[in-house]
C-alpha atoms as a PDB file:
ATOM      1  CA  MET A   1     -42.036 -12.750  51.488  1.00  0.00           C
ATOM      2  CA  SER A   2     -43.876 -15.809  52.745  1.00  0.00           C
ATOM      3  CA  ASP A   3     -47.202 -17.171  51.781  1.00  0.00           C
ATOM      4  CA  ARG A   4     -47.848 -18.804  55.116  1.00  0.00           C
ATOM      5  CA  VAL A   5     -51.168 -18.277  56.662  1.00  0.00           C
ATOM      6  CA  ASN A   6     -51.367 -18.027  60.494  1.00  0.00           C
ATOM      7  CA  ARG A   7     -53.748 -20.802  61.373  1.00  0.00           C
ATOM      8  CA  VAL A   8     -55.498 -21.060  64.736  1.00  0.00           C
ATOM      9  CA  PHE A   9     -55.583 -24.476  66.251  1.00  0.00           C
ATOM     10  CA  THR A  10     -58.090 -25.595  68.863  1.00  0.00           C
ATOM     11  CA  THR A  11     -56.980 -26.777  72.264  1.00  0.00           C
ATOM     12  CA  ASP A  12     -58.356 -30.265  71.470  1.00  0.00           C
ATOM     13  CA  PHE A  13     -56.310 -30.475  68.285  1.00  0.00           C
ATOM     14  CA  LYS A  14     -53.148 -29.492  70.092  1.00  0.00           C
ATOM     15  CA  GLU A  15     -53.823 -31.775  72.965  1.00  0.00           C
ATOM     16  CA  LEU A  16     -54.381 -34.783  70.663  1.00  0.00           C
ATOM     17  CA  ALA A  17     -51.237 -33.957  68.761  1.00  0.00           C
ATOM     18  CA  VAL A  18     -49.270 -33.867  71.971  1.00  0.00           C
ATOM     19  CA  LEU A  19     -50.759 -37.088  73.224  1.00  0.00           C
ATOM     20  CA  ARG A  20     -49.859 -38.810  69.961  1.00  0.00           C
ATOM     21  CA  LEU A  21     -46.392 -37.394  70.240  1.00  0.00           C
ATOM     22  CA  GLU A  22     -45.957 -38.587  73.790  1.00  0.00           C
ATOM     23  CA  ALA A  23     -47.316 -42.038  72.732  1.00  0.00           C
ATOM     24  CA  GLY A  24     -44.212 -42.390  70.565  1.00  0.00           C
ATOM     25  CA  GLU A  25     -45.251 -41.348  67.048  1.00  0.00           C
ATOM     26  CA  PRO A  26     -42.342 -39.905  65.037  1.00  0.00           C
ATOM     27  CA  VAL A  27     -42.383 -36.084  65.119  1.00  0.00           C
ATOM     28  CA  SER A  28     -41.605 -35.742  61.427  1.00  0.00           C
ATOM     29  CA  ALA A  29     -44.472 -37.998  60.378  1.00  0.00           C
ATOM     30  CA  LEU A  30     -46.922 -36.481  62.780  1.00  0.00           C
ATOM     31  CA  ALA A  31     -45.950 -32.910  61.674  1.00  0.00           C
ATOM     32  CA  ALA A  32     -46.413 -33.844  58.009  1.00  0.00           C
ATOM     33  CA  GLU A  33     -49.785 -35.519  58.686  1.00  0.00           C
ATOM     34  CA  LEU A  34     -51.158 -32.593  60.654  1.00  0.00           C
ATOM     35  CA  GLY A  35     -49.576 -29.934  58.428  1.00  0.00           C
ATOM     36  CA  VAL A  36     -47.591 -28.161  61.142  1.00  0.00           C
ATOM     37  CA  ARG A  37     -43.960 -27.517  61.834  1.00  0.00           C
ATOM     38  CA  ARG A  38     -42.028 -29.939  64.008  1.00  0.00           C
ATOM     39  CA  LYS A  39     -40.987 -26.967  66.273  1.00  0.00           C
ATOM     40  CA  LEU A  40     -44.676 -26.209  66.865  1.00  0.00           C
ATOM     41  CA  LEU A  41     -45.196 -29.728  68.083  1.00  0.00           C
ATOM     42  CA  TYR A  42     -42.232 -29.488  70.433  1.00  0.00           C
ATOM     43  CA  ASP A  43     -43.561 -26.115  71.742  1.00  0.00           C
ATOM     44  CA  TRP A  44     -46.987 -27.609  72.326  1.00  0.00           C
ATOM     45  CA  ALA A  45     -45.487 -30.589  74.170  1.00  0.00           C
ATOM     46  CA  LYS A  46     -43.382 -28.352  76.345  1.00  0.00           C
ATOM     47  CA  ALA A  47     -46.404 -26.166  77.226  1.00  0.00           C
ATOM     48  CA  TYR A  48     -48.544 -29.255  77.845  1.00  0.00           C
ATOM     49  CA  ARG A  49     -45.900 -30.743  80.231  1.00  0.00           C
ATOM     50  CA  ARG A  50     -45.516 -27.415  82.094  1.00  0.00           C
ATOM     51  CA  HIS A  51     -49.082 -26.212  82.412  1.00  0.00           C
ATOM     52  CA  GLY A  52     -51.381 -29.012  81.193  1.00  0.00           C
ATOM     53  CA  ALA A  53     -54.096 -28.431  78.631  1.00  0.00           C
ATOM     54  CA  ALA A  54     -54.411 -24.840  79.787  1.00  0.00           C
ATOM     55  CA  GLY A  55     -50.832 -24.179  78.622  1.00  0.00           C
ATOM     56  CA  LEU A  56     -51.769 -24.853  75.085  1.00  0.00           C
ATOM     57  CA  ASN A  57     -53.711 -21.637  74.764  1.00  0.00           C
ATOM     58  CA  ARG A  58     -51.171 -19.323  76.471  1.00  0.00           C
ATOM     59  CA  LYS A  59     -50.370 -16.082  74.733  1.00  0.00           C
ATOM     60  CA  ARG A  60     -46.948 -15.675  73.128  1.00  0.00           C
ATOM     61  CA  GLY A  61     -44.385 -13.117  74.245  1.00  0.00           C
ATOM     62  CA  PRO A  62     -43.270 -11.859  77.626  1.00  0.00           C
ATOM     63  CA  LYS A  63     -45.382 -13.155  80.549  1.00  0.00           C
ATOM     64  CA  PRO A  64     -46.546 -11.082  83.459  1.00  0.00           C
ATOM     65  CA  LYS A  65     -44.162 -10.802  86.442  1.00  0.00           C
ATOM     66  CA  GLY A  66     -43.925 -14.031  88.381  1.00  0.00           C
ATOM     67  CA  GLU A  67     -44.994 -16.258  85.476  1.00  0.00           C
ATOM     68  CA  GLY A  68     -41.657 -16.735  83.732  1.00  0.00           C
ATOM     69  CA  PRO A  69     -39.775 -19.962  83.230  1.00  0.00           C
ATOM     70  CA  CYS A  70     -37.968 -19.697  86.557  1.00  0.00           C
ATOM     71  CA  SER A  71     -41.034 -19.461  88.674  1.00  0.00           C
ATOM     72  CA  PRO A  72     -42.672 -22.734  89.709  1.00  0.00           C
ATOM     73  CA  PRO A  73     -46.359 -23.207  88.777  1.00  0.00           C
ATOM     74  CA  ALA A  74     -48.685 -22.434  91.608  1.00  0.00           C
ATOM     75  CA  LEU A  75     -50.086 -25.567  93.134  1.00  0.00           C
ATOM     76  CA  THR A  76     -52.677 -23.868  95.291  1.00  0.00           C
ATOM     77  CA  LEU A  77     -54.971 -20.901  94.720  1.00  0.00           C
ATOM     78  CA  PRO A  78     -53.359 -17.580  95.646  1.00  0.00           C
ATOM     79  CA  SER A  79     -56.395 -16.639  97.708  1.00  0.00           C
ATOM     80  CA  GLU A  80     -55.549 -19.305 100.302  1.00  0.00           C
ATOM     81  CA  PRO A  81     -53.551 -17.967 103.336  1.00  0.00           C
ATOM     82  CA  LEU A  82     -50.859 -20.557 102.985  1.00  0.00           C
ATOM     83  CA  ALA A  83     -50.296 -19.740  99.293  1.00  0.00           C
ATOM     84  CA  ARG A  84     -50.201 -16.026 100.044  1.00  0.00           C
ATOM     85  CA  ALA A  85     -47.741 -16.564 102.856  1.00  0.00           C
ATOM     86  CA  GLN A  86     -45.502 -18.738 100.655  1.00  0.00           C
ATOM     87  CA  ALA A  87     -45.606 -16.168  97.909  1.00  0.00           C
ATOM     88  CA  ARG A  88     -44.648 -13.378 100.368  1.00  0.00           C
ATOM     89  CA  ILE A  89     -41.805 -15.503 101.730  1.00  0.00           C
ATOM     90  CA  ALA A  90     -40.463 -16.079  98.193  1.00  0.00           C
ATOM     91  CA  GLU A  91     -40.749 -12.399  97.402  1.00  0.00           C
ATOM     92  CA  LEU A  92     -38.749 -11.460 100.619  1.00  0.00           C
ATOM     93  CA  GLU A  93     -36.167 -14.109  99.896  1.00  0.00           C
ATOM     94  CA  ARG A  94     -35.530 -12.649  96.487  1.00  0.00           C
ATOM     95  CA  LEU A  95     -35.262  -9.148  98.017  1.00  0.00           C
ATOM     96  CA  VAL A  96     -32.740 -10.348 100.592  1.00  0.00           C
ATOM     97  CA  GLY A  97     -30.790 -12.080  97.800  1.00  0.00           C
ATOM     98  CA  ARG A  98     -30.611  -8.802  95.809  1.00  0.00           C
ATOM     99  CA  GLN A  99     -29.587  -6.896  98.913  1.00  0.00           C
ATOM    100  CA  GLN A 100     -26.769  -9.418  99.616  1.00  0.00           C
ATOM    101  CA  VAL A 101     -25.435  -9.006  96.074  1.00  0.00           C
ATOM    102  CA  ASP A 102     -25.431  -5.185  96.610  1.00  0.00           C
ATOM    103  CA  LEU A 103     -23.643  -5.545  99.960  1.00  0.00           C
ATOM    104  CA  ASP A 104     -21.006  -7.837  98.428  1.00  0.00           C
ATOM    105  CA  PHE A 105     -20.413  -5.328  95.710  1.00  0.00           C
ATOM    106  CA  PHE A 106     -19.990  -2.380  98.069  1.00  0.00           C
ATOM    107  CA  ARG A 107     -17.698  -4.406 100.433  1.00  0.00           C
ATOM    108  CA  ARG A 108     -15.379  -5.194  97.508  1.00  0.00           C
ATOM    109  CA  ALA A 109     -15.485  -1.581  96.351  1.00  0.00           C
ATOM    110  CA  LEU A 110     -14.629  -0.388  99.927  1.00  0.00           C
ATOM    111  CA  ARG A 111     -11.763  -2.815 100.180  1.00  0.00           C
ATOM    112  CA  LEU A 112     -10.333  -1.483  96.858  1.00  0.00           C
ATOM    113  CA  THR A 113     -10.548   2.083  97.964  1.00  0.00           C
ATOM    114  CA  ASP A 114      -9.003   1.307 101.412  1.00  0.00           C
ATOM    115  CA  ALA A 115      -6.130  -0.489  99.657  1.00  0.00           C
ATOM    116  CA  ALA A 116      -5.435   2.435  97.330  1.00  0.00           C
ATOM    117  CA  PRO A 117      -2.722   4.891  98.519  1.00  0.00           C
ATOM    118  CA  ALA A 118      -4.346   7.875 100.286  1.00  0.00           C
ATOM    119  CA  SER A 119      -2.140  10.677  99.042  1.00  0.00           C
ATOM    120  CA  GLY A 120      -3.642  14.091  98.583  1.00  0.00           C
ATOM    121  CA  THR A 121      -1.613  14.901  95.513  1.00  0.00           C
ATOM    122  CA  ALA A 122      -2.008  13.688  91.986  1.00  0.00           C
ATOM    123  CA  PRO A 123       0.459  11.137  90.799  1.00  0.00           C
ATOM    124  CA  THR A 124       3.560  12.578  89.174  1.00  0.00           C
ATOM    125  CA  SER A 125       5.594  11.176  86.457  1.00  0.00           C
ATOM    126  CA  THR A 126       9.256  10.202  87.088  1.00  0.00           C
ATOM    127  CA  ARG A 127      10.223  11.001  83.530  1.00  0.00           C
ATOM    128  CA  SER A 128      11.998  14.194  82.820  1.00  0.00           C
ATOM    129  CA  SER A 129      10.484  16.621  80.312  1.00  0.00           C
ATOM    130  CA  LYS A 130      13.915  17.407  79.001  1.00  0.00           C
ATOM    131  CA  PRO A 131      15.177  15.388  76.048  1.00  0.00           C
END
């Protein structure tokens, strides 16, 4: 298969690499010098821009609910009353949005059933069975 060894890089190493990258050093040259893939440097830079130095040691894979790419980073501690209230408001707004989608779906379905002919018999063919 592959003889690559999974290396573990320190946060300082990653941060220095990202800072050099953001200072304008060419990605290819920096990757060759450090012995890492260019994609890894881009991933580190993205994590650094999104979460700072703490983002450089985040685990791979799916994140816990509310920590995905669509959720904004928390600017205040969740223990503060304002932050808790804002989180609750955001949660309720998402719930209302989901309910609105459901309502729209059922309204369209109801319109389609109201528009269909309401005959109690099954549709019959106008073709004759005789040849």
